[in-house]
Amino acid sequence: MKLAESVFVSFIDRLPVGNGAHHATEYGHQRIVSVSSARKLRGRPSRSLEELLFTKRTLAAVALVAASAITLSACSTPEATAGDVDASVATSVEDFGGMDALIAAAQAEGELNVIALPDNWANYGEIKALFEEKYDIIVNSADPDISSAEEIAAADNLKGQDTAPDVFDLGTAVALDSLDYFAPYMVANWDEIPEGNKEATGLWVNDYTGSMSIGYDSNSVPEPTSLDDLLKSEYRGAVALNGDPTQAGAAFAALGLATVHSGGTLDDFTPGIEFFSELNKAGNFIPVNVTGATIAAGETKVAFDWSYNNLAAAATVDGWKVTTLSGPVYTSFYNQAVSKDAPHPAAARLWQEFLYSPEAQNLFIVGGAYPVTIQAMQDAGTVDTDALDALGALEGELVTPTPEQAEKNATILAEKWAAAIG
């Protein structure tokens, strides 16, 4: 269960330098978004990624398919089987008797429930749409803008219902604190995932990464070149985070970035907390969660967020630009996990197989993120070289917290964050 920092850095160091409104229905408290309505948004950004390449200082870069479905009770979790296989306890595709049997079991369930996967987050809109199209399985996408912690809360609130999440996509601190919610599963290409990027039994597996960046409305504010710049009057009421750092991985990472750029280390995020406290006292920090909508509306003029999210905004919002501060570059993987209470356990496992296939891993690259199997794809010649060349490589002094540091800082934030910005 160790996510070795050295393995992560080695993985990134080996990346090549490049050449160069939803229809929804309400299910309880959840907002379920049909992926078919998002299919209209699947086209490539109007601005090419070549215009948004990473540089040392600036990051310059479904129709709903009719499917046969079994009737699911709203108050009980079914046991899907492939032959005599209970999909809820399957730990690999071999337990189903092969990929064809897994696909058949997943198609018999007919649906997959995902949560907290915005369409513009690392290209998840296209990834969800392709899964639905490829396998004739309906993807129910719930609460796309909630935090990692709220994903786990939803699993608690909806346990035993057919609208409960089948899978999770979580920041590291929340994932490590939620192991009891996961079912172990090892995808067919398990060996292509570096040892330091997965829990040994498959309880969680890293999926993609990016760097913590600063997006800004160049029509309203100047480009920040340091944390101190953000304390100036030009940024009054402008600076926001993507979520609450005690709950959301992106906001947690922003505190990490502020820490290392304030002279601290990843052992203790207190310097980062102190910076945001000072930013709040200056009237520059606003407690608004950054989304594509808040950026487009001009509500959040400066956003600490993952590079792939800010790059997605830059491709669609006039004047939105992305920068990284000179110095340490904060990076961190997100983590996939299968819910042990998944109402569609076979579909949940097929989703994992799909996500780690070159087909989906390359779509992360198109979305501005670096997938965990990128080295294996490069070695096998299956990487989308055009997309990778356009994206470019992560550069600079890369830092990422170990699991132990992540857990320690989650405790520190729980103790200090509310008072710091209160």
Protein backbone atom coordinates (compact mmCIF):
# COMPACT_ATOMS: atom_id res chain seq x y z
CA MET A 1 0.00 0.00 0.00
CA LYS A 2 2.96 2.31 -0.47
CA LEU A 3 2.83 4.89 -3.22
CA ALA A 4 6.53 5.37 -3.56
CA GLU A 5 7.51 8.92 -4.41
CA SER A 6 10.63 7.70 -6.15
CA VAL A 7 8.59 5.50 -8.48
CA PHE A 8 6.34 8.42 -9.35
CA VAL A 9 9.23 10.74 -10.10
CA SER A 10 10.93 8.09 -12.21
CA PHE A 11 7.74 7.61 -14.20
CA ILE A 12 7.38 11.31 -14.93
CA ASP A 13 11.05 11.78 -15.71
CA ARG A 14 10.68 9.26 -18.52
CA LEU A 15 7.95 11.21 -20.30
CA PRO A 16 9.15 12.60 -23.63
CA VAL A 17 9.33 16.28 -24.32
CA GLY A 18 6.84 17.11 -27.06
CA ASN A 19 7.82 18.55 -30.43
CA GLY A 20 6.69 21.36 -30.15
CA ALA A 21 -25.94 22.21 -20.31
CA HIS A 22 -26.97 18.59 -19.44
CA HIS A 23 -30.28 16.80 -19.43
CA ALA A 24 -30.77 15.42 -15.92
CA THR A 25 -33.24 13.70 -13.63
CA GLU A 26 -33.24 13.64 -9.85
CA TYR A 27 -32.65 10.40 -7.95
CA GLY A 28 -32.95 11.29 -4.28
CA HIS A 29 -30.29 13.93 -3.64
CA GLN A 30 -28.26 12.92 -6.67
CA ARG A 31 -28.15 14.65 -10.02
CA ILE A 32 -27.88 11.92 -12.66
CA VAL A 33 -26.62 13.10 -16.02
CA SER A 34 -27.19 10.97 -19.08
CA VAL A 35 -23.96 10.56 -20.97
CA SER A 36 -25.89 10.64 -24.25
CA SER A 37 -26.66 14.32 -23.70
CA ALA A 38 -22.97 14.97 -23.21
CA ARG A 39 -22.11 13.28 -26.48
CA LYS A 40 -22.81 16.60 -28.24
CA LEU A 41 -19.81 17.98 -26.39
CA ARG A 42 -17.40 15.28 -27.52
CA GLY A 43 -15.71 17.29 -30.27
CA ARG A 44 -12.12 18.37 -29.82
CA PRO A 45 -11.51 21.81 -28.32
CA SER A 46 -11.59 24.61 -30.85
CA ARG A 47 -8.09 25.61 -29.83
CA SER A 48 -5.39 23.04 -30.49
CA LEU A 49 -3.31 21.69 -27.66
CA GLU A 50 -0.27 22.98 -29.48
CA GLU A 51 -1.42 26.45 -28.43
CA LEU A 52 -1.43 25.36 -24.81
CA LEU A 53 1.86 23.52 -24.41
CA PHE A 54 3.53 23.10 -21.05
CA THR A 55 6.53 25.39 -20.72
CA LYS A 56 8.75 26.05 -17.77
CA ARG A 57 6.54 28.91 -16.58
CA THR A 58 3.29 28.52 -18.53
CA LEU A 59 1.19 25.46 -19.38
CA ALA A 60 0.97 26.61 -23.05
CA ALA A 61 -2.26 23.58 -23.27
CA VAL A 62 -23.12 9.81 -26.02
CA ALA A 63 -26.69 9.04 -28.59
CA LEU A 64 -27.86 6.93 -25.68
CA VAL A 65 -27.60 3.32 -26.88
CA ALA A 66 -30.62 1.11 -26.29
CA ALA A 67 -29.52 -1.84 -24.17
CA SER A 68 -31.12 -4.91 -22.67
CA ALA A 69 -31.26 -4.37 -18.91
CA ILE A 70 -32.42 -6.48 -16.01
CA THR A 71 -34.90 -4.87 -13.64
CA LEU A 72 -33.11 -3.72 -10.50
CA SER A 73 -34.76 -3.23 -7.12
CA ALA A 74 -34.34 0.24 -5.62
CA CYS A 75 -33.72 -1.21 -2.20
CA SER A 76 -31.43 -4.16 -2.75
CA THR A 77 -28.08 -4.80 -4.41
CA PRO A 78 -28.17 -7.65 -6.96
CA GLU A 79 -25.56 -10.32 -7.34
CA ALA A 80 -24.59 -10.39 -11.00
CA THR A 81 -23.19 -13.69 -12.20
CA ALA A 82 -21.36 -14.95 -15.23
CA GLY A 83 -22.27 -18.61 -15.16
CA ASP A 84 -21.63 -19.51 -11.55
CA VAL A 85 -19.47 -16.44 -10.88
CA ASP A 86 -20.53 -13.85 -8.32
CA ALA A 87 -19.28 -10.65 -9.95
CA SER A 88 -19.23 -8.81 -6.62
CA VAL A 89 -16.28 -10.88 -5.41
CA ALA A 90 -14.43 -11.31 -8.69
CA THR A 91 -10.85 -10.06 -8.45
CA SER A 92 -9.82 -10.45 -12.10
CA VAL A 93 -11.26 -11.13 -15.53
CA GLU A 94 -10.18 -14.76 -15.18
CA ASP A 95 -12.82 -15.18 -12.46
CA PHE A 96 -15.46 -14.59 -15.15
CA GLY A 97 -13.85 -17.01 -17.57
CA GLY A 98 -12.38 -14.32 -19.79
CA MET A 99 -13.16 -10.90 -21.23
CA ASP A 100 -16.11 -12.03 -23.35
CA ALA A 101 -17.83 -13.45 -20.26
CA LEU A 102 -17.16 -10.26 -18.29
CA ILE A 103 -18.62 -8.16 -21.10
CA ALA A 104 -21.69 -10.41 -21.23
CA ALA A 105 -22.21 -10.13 -17.46
CA ALA A 106 -21.83 -6.35 -17.58
CA GLN A 107 -24.24 -6.06 -20.51
CA ALA A 108 -26.78 -8.17 -18.61
CA GLU A 109 -26.64 -5.55 -15.84
CA GLY A 110 -27.07 -2.89 -18.51
CA GLU A 111 -25.91 0.12 -16.52
CA LEU A 112 -22.91 1.66 -14.80
CA ASN A 113 -23.11 4.32 -12.08
CA VAL A 114 -20.21 6.76 -11.95
CA ILE A 115 -19.91 9.79 -9.72
CA ALA A 116 -17.87 13.00 -9.55
CA LEU A 117 -16.66 12.77 -13.16
CA PRO A 118 -17.21 16.11 -14.94
CA ASP A 119 -17.11 15.83 -18.71
CA ASN A 120 -14.29 18.39 -18.94
CA TRP A 121 -12.16 16.70 -16.25
CA ALA A 122 -9.29 14.89 -17.97
CA ASN A 123 -11.59 14.17 -20.94
CA TYR A 124 -14.04 12.04 -18.93
CA GLY A 125 -16.92 13.16 -21.17
CA GLU A 126 -15.41 11.38 -24.14
CA ILE A 127 -14.28 8.42 -22.04
CA LYS A 128 -17.77 7.84 -20.63
CA ALA A 129 -19.33 8.23 -24.07
CA LEU A 130 -16.96 5.73 -25.66
CA PHE A 131 -17.60 3.13 -22.93
CA GLU A 132 -21.34 3.48 -23.47
CA GLU A 133 -20.98 3.18 -27.24
CA LYS A 134 -18.48 0.32 -27.16
CA TYR A 135 -20.35 -1.94 -24.74
CA ASP A 136 -24.03 -0.89 -25.08
CA ILE A 137 -24.10 -0.11 -21.37
CA ILE A 138 -25.85 3.02 -20.06
CA VAL A 139 -23.56 5.26 -18.03
CA ASN A 140 -25.38 7.15 -15.26
CA SER A 141 -23.15 10.07 -14.29
CA ALA A 142 -24.12 11.48 -10.88
CA ASP A 143 -23.09 14.68 -9.12
CA PRO A 144 -20.16 15.53 -11.42
CA ASP A 145 -18.88 18.47 -9.37
CA ILE A 146 -18.75 16.95 -5.89
CA SER A 147 -15.59 16.22 -3.91
CA SER A 148 -13.83 12.94 -3.22
CA ALA A 149 -15.17 12.94 0.35
CA GLU A 150 -18.69 13.45 -0.97
CA GLU A 151 -18.26 10.42 -3.22
CA ILE A 152 -17.77 8.31 -0.11
CA ALA A 153 -20.71 10.01 1.62
CA ALA A 154 -22.89 9.14 -1.38
CA ALA A 155 -21.82 5.50 -1.08
CA ASP A 156 -23.01 5.58 2.54
CA ASN A 157 -26.27 7.38 1.79
CA LEU A 158 -27.20 5.19 -1.18
CA LYS A 159 -25.93 1.83 0.05
CA GLY A 160 -28.28 -0.95 -1.03
CA GLN A 161 -29.93 1.15 -3.74
CA ASP A 162 -29.50 0.72 -7.46
CA THR A 163 -28.33 4.34 -7.77
CA ALA A 164 -25.31 3.85 -5.52
CA PRO A 165 -21.91 4.45 -7.14
CA ASP A 166 -20.29 1.43 -8.75
CA VAL A 167 -16.82 2.96 -8.92
CA PHE A 168 -14.83 5.82 -7.41
CA ASP A 169 -12.25 8.30 -8.69
CA LEU A 170 -10.60 9.75 -5.60
CA GLY A 171 -7.81 11.95 -4.35
CA THR A 172 -5.13 10.10 -2.42
CA ALA A 173 -5.95 11.33 1.10
CA VAL A 174 -9.60 10.27 0.80
CA ALA A 175 -8.74 6.99 -0.91
CA LEU A 176 -6.34 5.97 1.84
CA ASP A 177 -8.97 6.78 4.45
CA SER A 178 -11.71 4.76 2.67
CA LEU A 179 -10.22 1.33 2.04
CA ASP A 180 -13.18 -0.42 3.69
CA TYR A 181 -15.40 0.80 0.82
CA PHE A 182 -13.37 -0.89 -1.93
CA ALA A 183 -13.36 -4.31 -3.55
CA PRO A 184 -9.99 -5.59 -4.83
CA TYR A 185 -9.71 -5.95 -8.59
CA MET A 186 -6.68 -6.39 -10.83
CA VAL A 187 -7.12 -5.49 -14.49
CA ALA A 188 -5.82 -7.75 -17.25
CA ASN A 189 -2.83 -5.50 -17.93
CA TRP A 190 -1.93 -5.26 -14.24
CA ASP A 191 1.76 -5.72 -14.98
CA GLU A 192 1.79 -2.53 -17.08
CA ILE A 193 0.98 -0.43 -14.00
CA PRO A 194 4.13 0.41 -12.00
CA GLU A 195 4.32 -1.24 -8.58
CA GLY A 196 4.34 2.09 -6.77
CA ASN A 197 1.12 3.15 -8.45
CA LYS A 198 -1.22 0.47 -7.11
CA GLU A 199 -2.26 -1.32 -3.94
CA ALA A 200 -0.99 -4.88 -4.07
CA THR A 201 -4.44 -6.53 -4.21
CA GLY A 202 -6.08 -3.89 -6.41
CA LEU A 203 -8.03 -2.02 -3.74
CA TRP A 204 -6.93 1.21 -5.44
CA VAL A 205 -4.96 1.94 -8.57
CA ASN A 206 -3.56 5.25 -9.82
CA ASP A 207 -5.13 6.31 -13.10
CA TYR A 208 -3.89 9.74 -14.29
CA THR A 209 -1.96 12.75 -13.09
CA GLY A 210 -1.25 16.38 -13.90
CA SER A 211 0.36 19.33 -12.14
CA MET A 212 -1.19 21.92 -9.84
CA SER A 213 -1.52 25.10 -11.89
CA ILE A 214 -3.02 28.59 -11.70
CA GLY A 215 -5.61 29.58 -14.25
CA TYR A 216 -6.51 33.25 -14.62
CA ASP A 217 -8.74 35.58 -16.63
CA SER A 218 -6.21 37.60 -18.56
CA ASN A 219 -8.92 40.11 -19.46
CA SER A 220 -9.35 41.01 -15.78
CA VAL A 221 -6.14 40.29 -13.87
CA PRO A 222 -2.42 40.18 -14.62
CA GLU A 223 -0.50 36.92 -14.81
CA PRO A 224 0.64 35.90 -11.32
CA THR A 225 4.28 34.95 -11.17
CA SER A 226 4.48 34.17 -7.44
CA LEU A 227 2.25 33.59 -4.44
CA ASP A 228 3.06 37.09 -3.25
CA ASP A 229 1.53 38.52 -6.42
CA LEU A 230 -1.83 37.05 -5.42
CA LEU A 231 -1.79 39.15 -2.23
CA LYS A 232 -1.91 42.36 -4.29
CA SER A 233 -5.02 44.52 -4.70
CA GLU A 234 -5.37 43.54 -8.37
CA TYR A 235 -6.62 40.15 -7.19
CA ARG A 236 -9.28 41.42 -4.75
CA GLY A 237 -12.14 38.91 -4.58
CA ALA A 238 -10.64 36.83 -7.37
CA VAL A 239 -8.80 33.75 -6.05
CA ALA A 240 -10.60 30.43 -5.56
CA LEU A 241 -9.99 26.70 -5.10
CA ASN A 242 -11.59 23.69 -6.75
CA GLY A 243 -13.33 22.53 -3.58
CA ASP A 244 -12.61 22.34 0.14
CA PRO A 245 -9.09 21.05 0.84
CA THR A 246 -10.40 18.87 3.67
CA GLN A 247 -12.56 17.02 1.14
CA ALA A 248 -11.36 17.59 -2.43
CA GLY A 249 -8.12 16.34 -3.92
CA ALA A 250 -7.59 19.36 -6.17
CA ALA A 251 -7.93 21.82 -3.30
CA PHE A 252 -5.73 19.62 -1.10
CA ALA A 253 -3.06 19.81 -3.79
CA ALA A 254 -3.38 23.62 -3.96
CA LEU A 255 -2.47 23.78 -0.28
CA GLY A 256 0.49 21.53 -1.01
CA LEU A 257 1.63 23.82 -3.81
CA ALA A 258 1.28 26.88 -1.57
CA THR A 259 3.27 25.08 1.11
CA VAL A 260 6.30 24.28 -1.03
CA HIS A 261 6.24 27.77 -2.56
CA SER A 262 6.20 29.26 0.95
CA GLY A 263 9.38 27.51 2.00
CA GLY A 264 7.69 24.53 3.62
CA THR A 265 7.81 20.83 2.89
CA LEU A 266 5.19 18.20 2.17
CA ASP A 267 5.59 16.95 5.74
CA ASP A 268 3.39 19.81 7.01
CA PHE A 269 0.94 21.95 5.02
CA THR A 270 0.82 24.65 7.71
CA PRO A 271 2.74 27.21 5.57
CA GLY A 272 0.16 26.73 2.81
CA ILE A 273 -2.69 27.18 5.26
CA GLU A 274 -1.06 30.36 6.54
CA PHE A 275 -0.75 31.70 2.99
CA PHE A 276 -4.45 31.21 2.28
CA SER A 277 -5.28 32.77 5.65
CA GLU A 278 -3.30 35.84 4.61
CA LEU A 279 -4.98 35.78 1.20
CA ASN A 280 -8.37 35.69 2.93
CA LYS A 281 -7.49 38.60 5.22
CA ALA A 282 -6.46 40.62 2.17
CA GLY A 283 -9.93 40.08 0.72
CA ASN A 284 -8.53 38.18 -2.26
CA PHE A 285 -9.69 34.63 -1.45
CA ILE A 286 -13.31 33.76 -2.19
CA PRO A 287 -15.04 30.61 -0.85
CA VAL A 288 -16.45 29.62 -4.23
CA ASN A 289 -15.75 26.19 -5.68
CA VAL A 290 -14.19 26.54 -9.11
CA THR A 291 -16.06 24.89 -11.99
CA GLY A 292 -16.13 25.45 -15.72
CA ALA A 293 -19.33 27.44 -15.19
CA THR A 294 -17.81 29.81 -12.59
CA ILE A 295 -14.86 30.44 -14.90
CA ALA A 296 -17.07 31.10 -17.92
CA ALA A 297 -19.25 33.47 -15.86
CA GLY A 298 -16.23 35.41 -14.60
CA GLU A 299 -17.09 34.51 -10.99
CA THR A 300 -13.69 32.93 -10.31
CA LYS A 301 -11.01 34.99 -12.02
CA VAL A 302 -8.07 33.06 -10.57
CA ALA A 303 -8.23 29.31 -9.97
CA PHE A 304 -5.82 26.91 -8.31
CA ASP A 305 -6.61 23.67 -10.12
CA TRP A 306 -5.10 20.71 -11.95
CA SER A 307 -3.42 21.54 -15.23
CA TYR A 308 -5.86 19.42 -17.27
CA ASN A 309 -8.85 21.32 -15.82
CA ASN A 310 -7.36 24.73 -16.45
CA LEU A 311 -6.30 23.64 -19.94
CA ALA A 312 -9.88 22.54 -20.67
CA ALA A 313 -11.14 25.97 -19.58
CA ALA A 314 -8.47 27.69 -21.67
CA ALA A 315 -9.71 25.82 -24.74
CA THR A 316 -13.24 27.20 -24.38
CA VAL A 317 -13.18 30.45 -22.37
CA ASP A 318 -11.86 33.57 -24.06
CA GLY A 319 -8.95 35.09 -22.17
CA TRP A 320 -8.44 32.15 -19.77
CA LYS A 321 -4.77 31.36 -19.48
CA VAL A 322 -2.76 28.87 -17.47
CA THR A 323 0.54 29.27 -15.66
CA THR A 324 2.80 27.37 -13.32
CA LEU A 325 4.95 29.15 -10.79
CA SER A 326 8.70 28.98 -11.10
CA GLY A 327 9.99 26.41 -8.61
CA PRO A 328 8.54 23.14 -7.30
CA VAL A 329 5.82 21.54 -9.43
CA TYR A 330 3.18 19.72 -7.33
CA THR A 331 1.86 16.53 -8.92
CA SER A 332 -0.39 13.73 -7.69
CA PHE A 333 -2.31 10.82 -9.18
CA TYR A 334 -6.01 10.22 -8.72
CA ASN A 335 -7.10 6.72 -7.74
CA GLN A 336 -9.62 4.28 -9.22
CA ALA A 337 -11.49 1.83 -7.00
CA VAL A 338 -14.45 -0.55 -7.33
CA SER A 339 -17.16 -0.14 -4.69
CA LYS A 340 -17.62 -3.33 -2.67
CA ASP A 341 -21.37 -2.48 -2.63
CA ALA A 342 -21.59 -1.78 -6.36
CA PRO A 343 -25.13 -2.40 -7.66
CA HIS A 344 -23.58 -3.30 -11.03
CA PRO A 345 -20.45 -5.24 -10.01
CA ALA A 346 -19.66 -6.69 -13.43
CA ALA A 347 -20.02 -3.31 -15.15
CA ALA A 348 -17.80 -1.79 -12.47
CA ARG A 349 -15.05 -4.27 -13.29
CA LEU A 350 -15.47 -3.83 -17.03
CA TRP A 351 -15.10 -0.08 -16.49
CA GLN A 352 -11.74 -0.72 -14.85
CA GLU A 353 -10.61 -2.91 -17.74
CA PHE A 354 -11.65 -0.19 -20.18
CA LEU A 355 -10.01 2.67 -18.29
CA TYR A 356 -6.63 0.95 -18.26
CA SER A 357 -6.76 -0.06 -21.92
CA PRO A 358 -4.68 1.99 -24.37
CA GLU A 359 -7.92 3.26 -25.91
CA ALA A 360 -9.01 5.06 -22.74
CA GLN A 361 -5.52 5.85 -21.44
CA ASN A 362 -4.84 7.77 -24.65
CA LEU A 363 -8.04 9.75 -24.15
CA PHE A 364 -6.60 11.00 -20.85
CA ILE A 365 -3.66 12.35 -22.83
CA VAL A 366 -6.03 14.11 -25.23
CA GLY A 367 -7.62 15.65 -22.11
CA GLY A 368 -4.30 17.05 -20.88
CA ALA A 369 -3.52 14.37 -18.28
CA TYR A 370 -0.75 11.77 -18.03
CA PRO A 371 -2.08 8.18 -17.68
CA VAL A 372 -0.41 5.68 -15.41
CA THR A 373 0.42 3.19 -18.19
CA ILE A 374 2.07 5.78 -20.43
CA GLN A 375 5.50 4.15 -20.27
CA ALA A 376 4.09 0.73 -21.17
CA MET A 377 2.18 2.28 -24.07
CA GLN A 378 5.31 4.00 -25.32
CA ASP A 379 7.24 0.75 -25.12
CA ALA A 380 4.48 -1.11 -26.99
CA GLY A 381 3.96 1.60 -29.58
CA THR A 382 0.30 2.11 -28.60
CA VAL A 383 0.54 5.66 -27.26
CA ASP A 384 -1.16 8.48 -29.18
CA THR A 385 2.04 10.24 -30.18
CA ASP A 386 0.28 13.23 -31.73
CA ALA A 387 -1.64 13.92 -28.51
CA LEU A 388 1.45 13.38 -26.37
CA ASP A 389 3.61 15.60 -28.55
CA ALA A 390 0.96 18.32 -28.34
CA LEU A 391 0.72 18.00 -24.55
CA GLY A 392 4.44 17.97 -23.89
CA ALA A 393 6.19 16.76 -20.76
CA LEU A 394 5.89 17.77 -17.15
CA GLU A 395 8.99 19.78 -16.39
CA GLY A 396 10.72 21.17 -13.32
CA GLU A 397 11.23 20.02 -9.75
CA LEU A 398 8.40 17.53 -9.37
CA VAL A 399 7.07 16.89 -5.88
CA THR A 400 4.25 14.65 -4.67
CA PRO A 401 3.25 13.58 -1.16
CA THR A 402 3.72 10.02 0.02
CA PRO A 403 0.65 8.26 1.46
CA GLU A 404 1.99 8.95 4.95
CA GLN A 405 2.38 12.67 4.19
CA ALA A 406 -1.09 12.79 2.62
CA GLU A 407 -2.70 11.23 5.69
CA LYS A 408 -0.80 13.51 8.07
CA ASN A 409 -1.75 16.64 6.14
CA ALA A 410 -5.38 15.59 5.93
CA THR A 411 -5.37 15.65 9.74
CA ILE A 412 -3.62 19.03 9.83
CA LEU A 413 -6.14 20.53 7.42
CA ALA A 414 -9.06 19.14 9.41
CA GLU A 415 -7.67 20.88 12.47
CA LYS A 416 -6.62 24.23 10.97
CA TRP A 417 -8.36 25.05 7.68
CA ALA A 418 -11.77 26.28 8.88
CA ALA A 419 -10.22 28.66 11.41
CA ALA A 420 -7.72 29.94 8.86
CA ILE A 421 -10.36 31.21 6.47
CA GLY A 422 -13.17 31.85 8.98
